[in-house]
């Protein structure tokens, strides 16, 4: 069964997952161009990977429960795609 994934996440100063459940999906993760600061994703080696406002990347068949973000409180990350 295919499901659409559409999320708007307000980032906080501490890491939070983009999904509260284990969910395998192919998605585009985007930082809004109107964000005031850098958003960080945790890299596979535990490092902070900076994303600037307007930056986006496509991820195929990833577990959204394992992708975590942090940044300037109130900035936004969107996650759009599906489980196909």
PDB file of N, CA and C in Angstrom:
ATOM      1  N   UNK A   1       0.844  -1.179   0.000  1.00  0.00           N
ATOM      2  CA  UNK A   1       0.000   0.000   0.000  1.00  0.00           C
ATOM      3  C   UNK A   1       0.891   1.245   0.000  1.00  0.00           C
ATOM      4  N   UNK A   2       0.597   2.186  -0.845  1.00  0.00           N
ATOM      5  CA  UNK A   2       1.358   3.426  -0.936  1.00  0.00           C
ATOM      6  C   UNK A   2       0.664   4.522  -0.141  1.00  0.00           C
ATOM      7  N   UNK A   3       1.471   5.284   0.588  1.00  0.00           N
ATOM      8  CA  UNK A   3       0.947   6.382   1.389  1.00  0.00           C
ATOM      9  C   UNK A   3       1.730   7.648   1.101  1.00  0.00           C
ATOM     10  N   UNK A   4       1.043   8.765   1.093  1.00  0.00           N
ATOM     11  CA  UNK A   4       1.686  10.056   0.911  1.00  0.00           C
ATOM     12  C   UNK A   4       2.233  10.525   2.255  1.00  0.00           C
ATOM     13  N   UNK A   5       3.425  11.090   2.227  1.00  0.00           N
ATOM     14  CA  UNK A   5       4.036  11.669   3.418  1.00  0.00           C
ATOM     15  C   UNK A   5       4.146  13.179   3.170  1.00  0.00           C
ATOM     16  N   UNK A   6       3.526  13.967   4.015  1.00  0.00           N
ATOM     17  CA  UNK A   6       3.596  15.432   3.920  1.00  0.00           C
ATOM     18  C   UNK A   6       3.666  15.974   5.335  1.00  0.00           C
ATOM     19  N   UNK A   7       4.825  16.546   5.694  1.00  0.00           N
ATOM     20  CA  UNK A   7       5.016  17.026   7.057  1.00  0.00           C
ATOM     21  C   UNK A   7       5.672  18.395   7.077  1.00  0.00           C
ATOM     22  N   UNK A   8       5.286  19.168   8.048  1.00  0.00           N
ATOM     23  CA  UNK A   8       5.903  20.468   8.332  1.00  0.00           C
ATOM     24  C   UNK A   8       6.414  20.375   9.763  1.00  0.00           C
ATOM     25  N   UNK A   9       7.719  20.523   9.922  1.00  0.00           N
ATOM     26  CA  UNK A   9       8.335  20.351  11.232  1.00  0.00           C
ATOM     27  C   UNK A   9       8.969  21.666  11.670  1.00  0.00           C
ATOM     28  N   UNK A  10       8.525  22.196  12.788  1.00  0.00           N
ATOM     29  CA  UNK A  10       9.196  23.354  13.369  1.00  0.00           C
ATOM     30  C   UNK A  10      10.377  22.842  14.160  1.00  0.00           C
ATOM     31  N   UNK A  11      11.573  23.278  13.792  1.00  0.00           N
ATOM     32  CA  UNK A  11      12.762  22.775  14.463  1.00  0.00           C
ATOM     33  C   UNK A  11      12.920  23.414  15.836  1.00  0.00           C
ATOM     34  N   UNK A  12      13.656  22.716  16.680  1.00  0.00           N
ATOM     35  CA  UNK A  12      13.951  23.186  18.026  1.00  0.00           C
ATOM     36  C   UNK A  12      15.464  23.206  18.197  1.00  0.00           C
ATOM     37  N   UNK A  13      15.916  23.677  19.331  1.00  0.00           N
ATOM     38  CA  UNK A  13      17.355  23.743  19.590  1.00  0.00           C
ATOM     39  C   UNK A  13      17.965  22.359  19.798  1.00  0.00           C
ATOM     40  N   UNK A  14      17.137  21.362  20.106  1.00  0.00           N
ATOM     41  CA  UNK A  14      17.614  19.989  20.283  1.00  0.00           C
ATOM     42  C   UNK A  14      17.137  19.110  19.147  1.00  0.00           C
ATOM     43  N   UNK A  15      17.868  18.046  18.900  1.00  0.00           N
ATOM     44  CA  UNK A  15      17.478  17.142  17.819  1.00  0.00           C
ATOM     45  C   UNK A  15      16.109  16.522  18.069  1.00  0.00           C
ATOM     46  N   UNK A  16      15.326  16.400  16.984  1.00  0.00           N
ATOM     47  CA  UNK A  16      14.046  15.701  17.007  1.00  0.00           C
ATOM     48  C   UNK A  16      13.907  14.931  15.699  1.00  0.00           C
ATOM     49  N   UNK A  17      13.266  13.750  15.721  1.00  0.00           N
ATOM     50  CA  UNK A  17      13.102  12.985  14.485  1.00  0.00           C
ATOM     51  C   UNK A  17      12.047  13.621  13.583  1.00  0.00           C
ATOM     52  N   UNK A  18      12.161  13.381  12.281  1.00  0.00           N
ATOM     53  CA  UNK A  18      11.139  13.897  11.359  1.00  0.00           C
ATOM     54  C   UNK A  18       9.899  13.004  11.367  1.00  0.00           C
ATOM     55  N   UNK A  19       9.997  11.842  12.016  1.00  0.00           N
ATOM     56  CA  UNK A  19       8.841  10.973  12.222  1.00  0.00           C
ATOM     57  C   UNK A  19       8.961  10.334  13.601  1.00  0.00           C
ATOM     58  N   UNK A  20       7.861  10.283  14.326  1.00  0.00           N
ATOM     59  CA  UNK A  20       7.861   9.664  15.653  1.00  0.00           C
ATOM     60  C   UNK A  20       7.719   8.148  15.594  1.00  0.00           C
ATOM     61  N   UNK A  21       7.555   7.612  14.383  1.00  0.00           N
ATOM     62  CA  UNK A  21       7.466   6.167  14.182  1.00  0.00           C
ATOM     63  C   UNK A  21       8.445   5.765  13.096  1.00  0.00           C
ATOM     64  N   UNK A  22       8.784   4.484  13.066  1.00  0.00           N
ATOM     65  CA  UNK A  22       9.635   3.967  12.006  1.00  0.00           C
ATOM     66  C   UNK A  22       8.811   3.960  10.724  1.00  0.00           C
ATOM     67  N   UNK A  23       9.264   4.686   9.694  1.00  0.00           N
ATOM     68  CA  UNK A  23       8.512   4.808   8.449  1.00  0.00           C
ATOM     69  C   UNK A  23       9.499   4.862   7.297  1.00  0.00           C
ATOM     70  N   UNK A  24       9.468   3.861   6.430  1.00  0.00           N
ATOM     71  CA  UNK A  24      10.348   3.819   5.268  1.00  0.00           C
ATOM     72  C   UNK A  24       9.641   4.530   4.128  1.00  0.00           C
ATOM     73  N   UNK A  25      10.300   5.550   3.568  1.00  0.00           N
ATOM     74  CA  UNK A  25       9.682   6.337   2.503  1.00  0.00           C
ATOM     75  C   UNK A  25      10.766   6.975   1.625  1.00  0.00           C
ATOM     76  N   UNK A  26      10.340   7.420   0.455  1.00  0.00           N
ATOM     77  CA  UNK A  26      11.191   8.218  -0.426  1.00  0.00           C
ATOM     78  C   UNK A  26      10.639   9.633  -0.377  1.00  0.00           C
ATOM     79  N   UNK A  27      11.484  10.593   0.021  1.00  0.00           N
ATOM     80  CA  UNK A  27      11.002  11.949   0.294  1.00  0.00           C
ATOM     81  C   UNK A  27      12.012  13.004  -0.157  1.00  0.00           C
ATOM     82  N   UNK A  28      11.506  14.215  -0.283  1.00  0.00           N
ATOM     83  CA  UNK A  28      12.346  15.399  -0.413  1.00  0.00           C
ATOM     84  C   UNK A  28      12.253  16.135   0.911  1.00  0.00           C
ATOM     85  N   UNK A  29      13.413  16.373   1.508  1.00  0.00           N
ATOM     86  CA  UNK A  29      13.471  17.147   2.744  1.00  0.00           C
ATOM     87  C   UNK A  29      13.975  18.531   2.372  1.00  0.00           C
ATOM     88  N   UNK A  30      13.246  19.568   2.798  1.00  0.00           N
ATOM     89  CA  UNK A  30      13.550  20.948   2.424  1.00  0.00           C
ATOM     90  C   UNK A  30      13.580  21.860   3.632  1.00  0.00           C
ATOM     91  N   UNK A  31      14.483  22.821   3.594  1.00  0.00           N
ATOM     92  CA  UNK A  31      14.487  23.923   4.561  1.00  0.00           C
ATOM     93  C   UNK A  31      13.819  25.104   3.878  1.00  0.00           C
ATOM     94  N   UNK A  32      12.856  25.711   4.532  1.00  0.00           N
ATOM     95  CA  UNK A  32      12.171  26.841   3.908  1.00  0.00           C
ATOM     96  C   UNK A  32      13.157  27.961   3.600  1.00  0.00           C
ATOM     97  N   UNK A  33      12.989  28.619   2.458  1.00  0.00           N
ATOM     98  CA  UNK A  33      13.882  29.729   2.132  1.00  0.00           C
ATOM     99  C   UNK A  33      13.722  30.917   3.069  1.00  0.00           C
ATOM    100  N   UNK A  34      12.622  30.952   3.811  1.00  0.00           N
ATOM    101  CA  UNK A  34      12.380  32.046   4.754  1.00  0.00           C
ATOM    102  C   UNK A  34      12.959  31.762   6.142  1.00  0.00           C
ATOM    103  N   UNK A  35      13.597  30.599   6.331  1.00  0.00           N
ATOM    104  CA  UNK A  35      14.216  30.296   7.625  1.00  0.00           C
ATOM    105  C   UNK A  35      15.250  31.351   7.972  1.00  0.00           C
ATOM    106  N   UNK A  36      15.359  31.651   9.259  1.00  0.00           N
ATOM    107  CA  UNK A  36      16.294  32.673   9.712  1.00  0.00           C
ATOM    108  C   UNK A  36      17.696  32.161   9.977  1.00  0.00           C
ATOM    109  N   UNK A  37      17.840  30.845  10.086  1.00  0.00           N
ATOM    110  CA  UNK A  37      19.143  30.289  10.426  1.00  0.00           C
ATOM    111  C   UNK A  37      19.393  28.972   9.734  1.00  0.00           C
ATOM    112  N   UNK A  38      20.493  28.359  10.108  1.00  0.00           N
ATOM    113  CA  UNK A  38      20.891  27.068   9.563  1.00  0.00           C
ATOM    114  C   UNK A  38      20.151  25.963  10.301  1.00  0.00           C
ATOM    115  N   UNK A  39      19.725  24.944   9.551  1.00  0.00           N
ATOM    116  CA  UNK A  39      19.138  23.737  10.127  1.00  0.00           C
ATOM    117  C   UNK A  39      20.214  22.659  10.051  1.00  0.00           C
ATOM    118  N   UNK A  40      20.293  21.833  11.090  1.00  0.00           N
ATOM    119  CA  UNK A  40      21.290  20.758  11.122  1.00  0.00           C
ATOM    120  C   UNK A  40      20.599  19.405  11.113  1.00  0.00           C
ATOM    121  N   UNK A  41      21.103  18.517  10.279  1.00  0.00           N
ATOM    122  CA  UNK A  41      20.714  17.118  10.315  1.00  0.00           C
ATOM    123  C   UNK A  41      21.885  16.361  10.896  1.00  0.00           C
ATOM    124  N   UNK A  42      21.606  15.292  11.644  1.00  0.00           N
ATOM    125  CA  UNK A  42      22.687  14.478  12.203  1.00  0.00           C
ATOM    126  C   UNK A  42      23.182  13.546  11.109  1.00  0.00           C
ATOM    127  N   UNK A  43      24.472  13.629  10.825  1.00  0.00           N
ATOM    128  CA  UNK A  43      25.084  12.779   9.819  1.00  0.00           C
ATOM    129  C   UNK A  43      25.238  11.348  10.303  1.00  0.00           C
ATOM    130  N   UNK A  44      25.561  10.449   9.392  1.00  0.00           N
ATOM    131  CA  UNK A  44      25.704   9.041   9.756  1.00  0.00           C
ATOM    132  C   UNK A  44      26.849   8.797  10.726  1.00  0.00           C
ATOM    133  N   UNK A  45      27.790   9.750  10.811  1.00  0.00           N
ATOM    134  CA  UNK A  45      28.897   9.624  11.763  1.00  0.00           C
ATOM    135  C   UNK A  45      28.648  10.423  13.044  1.00  0.00           C
ATOM    136  N   UNK A  46      27.430  10.956  13.209  1.00  0.00           N
ATOM    137  CA  UNK A  46      27.075  11.716  14.403  1.00  0.00           C
ATOM    138  C   UNK A  46      27.355  13.202  14.319  1.00  0.00           C
ATOM    139  N   UNK A  47      27.954  13.646  13.213  1.00  0.00           N
ATOM    140  CA  UNK A  47      28.281  15.070  13.069  1.00  0.00           C
ATOM    141  C   UNK A  47      27.047  15.887  12.681  1.00  0.00           C
ATOM    142  N   UNK A  48      27.111  17.198  12.935  1.00  0.00           N
ATOM    143  CA  UNK A  48      26.066  18.126  12.502  1.00  0.00           C
ATOM    144  C   UNK A  48      26.309  18.480  11.040  1.00  0.00           C
ATOM    145  N   UNK A  49      25.302  18.258  10.192  1.00  0.00           N
ATOM    146  CA  UNK A  49      25.401  18.595   8.773  1.00  0.00           C
ATOM    147  C   UNK A  49      24.529  19.828   8.539  1.00  0.00           C
ATOM    148  N   UNK A  50      25.144  20.987   8.220  1.00  0.00           N
ATOM    149  CA  UNK A  50      24.370  22.218   8.084  1.00  0.00           C
ATOM    150  C   UNK A  50      23.638  22.308   6.747  1.00  0.00           C
ATOM    151  N   UNK A  51      22.395  22.755   6.810  1.00  0.00           N
ATOM    152  CA  UNK A  51      21.601  23.051   5.625  1.00  0.00           C
ATOM    153  C   UNK A  51      21.189  24.522   5.706  1.00  0.00           C
ATOM    154  N   UNK A  52      21.409  25.254   4.650  1.00  0.00           N
ATOM    155  CA  UNK A  52      21.071  26.673   4.610  1.00  0.00           C
ATOM    156  C   UNK A  52      19.614  26.841   4.187  1.00  0.00           C
ATOM    157  N   UNK A  53      19.016  28.002   4.471  1.00  0.00           N
ATOM    158  CA  UNK A  53      17.644  28.246   4.022  1.00  0.00           C
ATOM    159  C   UNK A  53      17.526  28.016   2.513  1.00  0.00           C
ATOM    160  N   UNK A  54      16.491  27.286   2.125  1.00  0.00           N
ATOM    161  CA  UNK A  54      16.247  26.984   0.713  1.00  0.00           C
ATOM    162  C   UNK A  54      16.889  25.691   0.233  1.00  0.00           C
ATOM    163  N   UNK A  55      17.740  25.075   1.040  1.00  0.00           N
ATOM    164  CA  UNK A  55      18.405  23.831   0.630  1.00  0.00           C
ATOM    165  C   UNK A  55      17.432  22.655   0.733  1.00  0.00           C
ATOM    166  N   UNK A  56      17.554  21.732  -0.220  1.00  0.00           N
ATOM    167  CA  UNK A  56      16.713  20.542  -0.211  1.00  0.00           C
ATOM    168  C   UNK A  56      17.473  19.373  -0.824  1.00  0.00           C
ATOM    169  N   UNK A  57      17.074  18.158  -0.436  1.00  0.00           N
ATOM    170  CA  UNK A  57      17.692  16.938  -0.957  1.00  0.00           C
ATOM    171  C   UNK A  57      16.647  15.837  -1.024  1.00  0.00           C
ATOM    172  N   UNK A  58      16.834  14.927  -1.980  1.00  0.00           N
ATOM    173  CA  UNK A  58      15.937  13.788  -2.160  1.00  0.00           C
ATOM    174  C   UNK A  58      16.562  12.561  -1.494  1.00  0.00           C
ATOM    175  N   UNK A  59      15.741  11.823  -0.754  1.00  0.00           N
ATOM    176  CA  UNK A  59      16.167  10.596  -0.090  1.00  0.00           C
ATOM    177  C   UNK A  59      15.253   9.464  -0.537  1.00  0.00           C
ATOM    178  N   UNK A  60      15.833   8.341  -0.932  1.00  0.00           N
ATOM    179  CA  UNK A  60      15.038   7.198  -1.389  1.00  0.00           C
ATOM    180  C   UNK A  60      15.101   6.064  -0.372  1.00  0.00           C
ATOM    181  N   UNK A  61      13.928   5.588  -0.025  1.00  0.00           N
ATOM    182  CA  UNK A  61      13.784   4.430   0.865  1.00  0.00           C
ATOM    183  C   UNK A  61      14.580   4.578   2.163  1.00  0.00           C
ATOM    184  N   UNK A  62      14.325   5.649   2.884  1.00  0.00           N
ATOM    185  CA  UNK A  62      14.992   5.881   4.165  1.00  0.00           C
ATOM    186  C   UNK A  62      13.981   5.751   5.303  1.00  0.00           C
ATOM    187  N   UNK A  63      14.489   5.475   6.482  1.00  0.00           N
ATOM    188  CA  UNK A  63      13.654   5.394   7.676  1.00  0.00           C
ATOM    189  C   UNK A  63      13.557   6.794   8.273  1.00  0.00           C
ATOM    190  N   UNK A  64      12.398   7.405   8.161  1.00  0.00           N
ATOM    191  CA  UNK A  64      12.220   8.784   8.644  1.00  0.00           C
ATOM    192  C   UNK A  64      12.363   8.891  10.156  1.00  0.00           C
ATOM    193  N   UNK A  65      12.179   7.796  10.874  1.00  0.00           N
ATOM    194  CA  UNK A  65      12.354   7.800  12.319  1.00  0.00           C
ATOM    195  C   UNK A  65      13.807   7.949  12.736  1.00  0.00           C
ATOM    196  N   UNK A  66      14.732   7.736  11.796  1.00  0.00           N
ATOM    197  CA  UNK A  66      16.158   7.843  12.098  1.00  0.00           C
ATOM    198  C   UNK A  66      16.776   9.158  11.624  1.00  0.00           C
ATOM    199  N   UNK A  67      16.007   9.988  10.920  1.00  0.00           N
ATOM    200  CA  UNK A  67      16.494  11.290  10.470  1.00  0.00           C
ATOM    201  C   UNK A  67      16.101  12.323  11.508  1.00  0.00           C
ATOM    202  N   UNK A  68      17.093  13.007  12.063  1.00  0.00           N
ATOM    203  CA  UNK A  68      16.818  13.986  13.109  1.00  0.00           C
ATOM    204  C   UNK A  68      17.337  15.364  12.691  1.00  0.00           C
ATOM    205  N   UNK A  69      16.608  16.396  13.129  1.00  0.00           N
ATOM    206  CA  UNK A  69      16.927  17.775  12.767  1.00  0.00           C
ATOM    207  C   UNK A  69      16.932  18.659  14.007  1.00  0.00           C
ATOM    208  N   UNK A  70      17.684  19.749  13.924  1.00  0.00           N
ATOM    209  CA  UNK A  70      17.659  20.791  14.962  1.00  0.00           C
ATOM    210  C   UNK A  70      18.052  22.097  14.291  1.00  0.00           C
ATOM    211  N   UNK A  71      17.875  23.192  15.003  1.00  0.00           N
ATOM    212  CA  UNK A  71      18.250  24.483  14.438  1.00  0.00           C
ATOM    213  C   UNK A  71      17.687  25.621  15.260  1.00  0.00           C
ATOM    214  N   UNK A  72      17.447  26.718  14.580  1.00  0.00           N
ATOM    215  CA  UNK A  72      16.874  27.898  15.223  1.00  0.00           C
ATOM    216  C   UNK A  72      15.394  27.642  15.500  1.00  0.00           C
ATOM    217  N   UNK A  73      14.973  27.684  16.759  1.00  0.00           N
ATOM    218  CA  UNK A  73      13.567  27.427  17.064  1.00  0.00           C
ATOM    219  C   UNK A  73      12.639  28.297  16.219  1.00  0.00           C
ATOM    220  N   UNK A  74      11.640  27.635  15.636  1.00  0.00           N
ATOM    221  CA  UNK A  74      10.680  28.323  14.779  1.00  0.00           C
ATOM    222  C   UNK A  74      10.966  28.167  13.302  1.00  0.00           C
ATOM    223  N   UNK A  75      12.211  27.857  12.908  1.00  0.00           N
ATOM    224  CA  UNK A  75      12.482  27.572  11.504  1.00  0.00           C
ATOM    225  C   UNK A  75      11.782  26.268  11.126  1.00  0.00           C
ATOM    226  N   UNK A  76      11.584  26.050   9.830  1.00  0.00           N
ATOM    227  CA  UNK A  76      10.747  24.945   9.374  1.00  0.00           C
ATOM    228  C   UNK A  76      11.479  24.064   8.362  1.00  0.00           C
ATOM    229  N   UNK A  77      11.245  22.756   8.508  1.00  0.00           N
ATOM    230  CA  UNK A  77      11.682  21.749   7.548  1.00  0.00           C
ATOM    231  C   UNK A  77      10.420  21.067   7.029  1.00  0.00           C
ATOM    232  N   UNK A  78      10.340  20.837   5.716  1.00  0.00           N
ATOM    233  CA  UNK A  78       9.223  20.072   5.167  1.00  0.00           C
ATOM    234  C   UNK A  78       9.728  18.736   4.659  1.00  0.00           C
ATOM    235  N   UNK A  79       8.865  17.739   4.745  1.00  0.00           N
ATOM    236  CA  UNK A  79       9.143  16.398   4.269  1.00  0.00           C
ATOM    237  C   UNK A  79       7.968  16.004   3.375  1.00  0.00           C
ATOM    238  N   UNK A  80       8.247  15.767   2.079  1.00  0.00           N
ATOM    239  CA  UNK A  80       7.190  15.448   1.128  1.00  0.00           C
ATOM    240  C   UNK A  80       7.620  14.263   0.281  1.00  0.00           C
ATOM    241  N   UNK A  81       6.752  13.274   0.163  1.00  0.00           N
ATOM    242  CA  UNK A  81       7.045  12.107  -0.664  1.00  0.00           C
ATOM    243  C   UNK A  81       6.030  11.031  -0.385  1.00  0.00           C
ATOM    244  N   UNK A  82       6.510   9.786  -0.338  1.00  0.00           N
ATOM    245  CA  UNK A  82       5.584   8.694  -0.095  1.00  0.00           C
ATOM    246  C   UNK A  82       6.289   7.383   0.123  1.00  0.00           C
ATOM    247  N   UNK A  83       5.497   6.342   0.357  1.00  0.00           N
ATOM    248  CA  UNK A  83       6.017   5.017   0.659  1.00  0.00           C
ATOM    249  C   UNK A  83       6.030   4.119  -0.578  1.00  0.00           C
ATOM    250  N   UNK A  84       6.227   4.678  -1.745  1.00  0.00           N
ATOM    251  CA  UNK A  84       6.269   3.876  -2.968  1.00  0.00           C
ATOM    252  C   UNK A  84       7.666   3.453  -3.303  1.00  0.00           C
TER     253      UNK A  84
END
